C-alpha atoms as a PDB file:
ATOM      1  CA  MET A   1      10.224 197.820 -46.420  1.00  0.00           C
ATOM      2  CA  ILE A   2      11.425 194.249 -46.828  1.00  0.00           C
ATOM      3  CA  HIS A   3      14.397 193.411 -49.059  1.00  0.00           C
ATOM      4  CA  SER A   4      15.444 189.949 -50.097  1.00  0.00           C
ATOM      5  CA  SER A   5      18.172 188.875 -52.469  1.00  0.00           C
ATOM      6  CA  LEU A   6      19.504 185.670 -53.885  1.00  0.00           C
ATOM      7  CA  ARG A   7      22.982 185.212 -55.381  1.00  0.00           C
ATOM      8  CA  MET A   8      23.174 182.425 -57.950  1.00  0.00           C
ATOM      9  CA  LYS A   9      26.038 180.988 -59.990  1.00  0.00           C
ATOM     10  CA  PHE A  10      25.420 179.204 -63.282  1.00  0.00           C
ATOM     11  CA  THR A  11      27.571 177.317 -65.736  1.00  0.00           C
ATOM     12  CA  PRO A  12      28.249 179.170 -69.003  1.00  0.00           C
ATOM     13  CA  GLU A  13      25.872 176.773 -70.778  1.00  0.00           C
ATOM     14  CA  LYS A  14      22.971 177.488 -68.394  1.00  0.00           C
ATOM     15  CA  LEU A  15      23.485 181.247 -67.966  1.00  0.00           C
ATOM     16  CA  PRO A  16      21.416 182.394 -70.997  1.00  0.00           C
ATOM     17  CA  GLU A  17      18.483 180.173 -69.979  1.00  0.00           C
ATOM     18  CA  ALA A  18      18.688 181.316 -66.349  1.00  0.00           C
ATOM     19  CA  ARG A  19      18.754 184.974 -67.409  1.00  0.00           C
ATOM     20  CA  GLU A  20      15.704 184.474 -69.626  1.00  0.00           C
ATOM     21  CA  ILE A  21      13.735 182.684 -66.906  1.00  0.00           C
ATOM     22  CA  LEU A  22      14.627 185.204 -64.208  1.00  0.00           C
ATOM     23  CA  CYS A  23      13.701 188.159 -66.421  1.00  0.00           C
ATOM     24  CA  SER A  24      10.263 186.654 -67.056  1.00  0.00           C
ATOM     25  CA  ILE A  25       9.824 186.087 -63.305  1.00  0.00           C
ATOM     26  CA  VAL A  26      10.756 189.710 -62.587  1.00  0.00           C
ATOM     27  CA  GLU A  27       7.980 190.955 -64.852  1.00  0.00           C
ATOM     28  CA  ARG A  28       5.388 188.834 -63.000  1.00  0.00           C
ATOM     29  CA  ILE A  29       6.637 189.834 -59.549  1.00  0.00           C
ATOM     30  CA  ARG A  30       6.644 193.566 -60.336  1.00  0.00           C
ATOM     31  CA  VAL A  31       2.850 193.582 -60.747  1.00  0.00           C
ATOM     32  CA  SER A  32       2.223 191.733 -57.455  1.00  0.00           C
ATOM     33  CA  GLN A  33       0.455 193.559 -54.652  1.00  0.00           C
ATOM     34  CA  GLY A  34       2.965 195.236 -52.355  1.00  0.00           C
ATOM     35  CA  CYS A  35       5.957 194.801 -54.658  1.00  0.00           C
ATOM     36  CA  LEU A  36       8.101 197.932 -54.589  1.00  0.00           C
ATOM     37  CA  GLY A  37      10.692 196.574 -57.012  1.00  0.00           C
ATOM     38  CA  CYS A  38      12.288 193.481 -58.447  1.00  0.00           C
ATOM     39  CA  ASP A  39      15.477 193.248 -60.511  1.00  0.00           C
ATOM     40  CA  VAL A  40      18.090 190.835 -61.822  1.00  0.00           C
ATOM     41  CA  TYR A  41      21.736 191.898 -61.947  1.00  0.00           C
ATOM     42  CA  GLN A  42      24.707 190.227 -63.610  1.00  0.00           C
ATOM     43  CA  HIS A  43      28.052 190.395 -61.816  1.00  0.00           C
ATOM     44  CA  LEU A  44      30.664 192.029 -64.036  1.00  0.00           C
ATOM     45  CA  LEU A  45      33.697 190.446 -62.390  1.00  0.00           C
ATOM     46  CA  GLU A  46      32.370 186.924 -61.762  1.00  0.00           C
ATOM     47  CA  PRO A  47      31.173 185.114 -64.877  1.00  0.00           C
ATOM     48  CA  GLY A  48      27.924 183.255 -64.375  1.00  0.00           C
ATOM     49  CA  VAL A  49      26.865 185.085 -61.210  1.00  0.00           C
ATOM     50  CA  LEU A  50      23.380 186.634 -61.127  1.00  0.00           C
ATOM     51  CA  LEU A  51      21.751 188.512 -58.259  1.00  0.00           C
ATOM     52  CA  PHE A  52      17.972 188.485 -57.891  1.00  0.00           C
ATOM     53  CA  GLY A  53      16.577 191.242 -55.657  1.00  0.00           C
ATOM     54  CA  GLU A  54      13.086 192.071 -54.415  1.00  0.00           C
ATOM     55  CA  TRP A  55      11.655 194.920 -52.343  1.00  0.00           C
ATOM     56  CA  TRP A  56       8.278 194.550 -50.618  1.00  0.00           C
ATOM     57  CA  ASP A  57       6.056 196.898 -48.676  1.00  0.00           C
ATOM     58  CA  ASN A  58       5.694 194.403 -45.803  1.00  0.00           C
ATOM     59  CA  HIS A  59       6.125 190.741 -44.783  1.00  0.00           C
ATOM     60  CA  ALA A  60       2.474 189.927 -45.528  1.00  0.00           C
ATOM     61  CA  ASP A  61       2.817 190.995 -49.179  1.00  0.00           C
ATOM     62  CA  GLN A  62       6.076 189.107 -49.542  1.00  0.00           C
ATOM     63  CA  GLY A  63       4.593 185.983 -47.962  1.00  0.00           C
ATOM     64  CA  ARG A  64       1.439 186.151 -50.081  1.00  0.00           C
ATOM     65  CA  HIS A  65       3.539 186.204 -53.222  1.00  0.00           C
ATOM     66  CA  GLY A  66       5.346 182.878 -52.660  1.00  0.00           C
ATOM     67  CA  TYR A  67       7.525 181.356 -55.377  1.00  0.00           C
ATOM     68  CA  PRO A  68       5.440 178.900 -57.435  1.00  0.00           C
ATOM     69  CA  CYS A  69       7.215 179.996 -60.612  1.00  0.00           C
ATOM     70  CA  ILE A  70      10.548 178.732 -59.265  1.00  0.00           C
ATOM     71  CA  GLU A  71       9.449 175.485 -57.598  1.00  0.00           C
ATOM     72  CA  GLY A  72      10.347 172.457 -59.681  1.00  0.00           C
ATOM     73  CA  SER A  73      12.620 174.424 -62.001  1.00  0.00           C
ATOM     74  CA  SER A  74      15.406 172.366 -63.556  1.00  0.00           C
ATOM     75  CA  TRP A  75      18.125 175.004 -63.744  1.00  0.00           C
END
């Protein structure tokens, strides 16, 4: 199993938009071949901090997925 995570910090103004975008990305990733799980977490003690986590069956599935939905994003 492959796990990857990304910790991100947003300004209060951008946090709602970031949450919305990341939640839509999670739904798309969850149906990808080899995806074992994908979630977004909000840090309770650090305002504006989100954690994006993915779990994959293997490196090939993770690599095949890529991140076209994030490339060129303005947030």
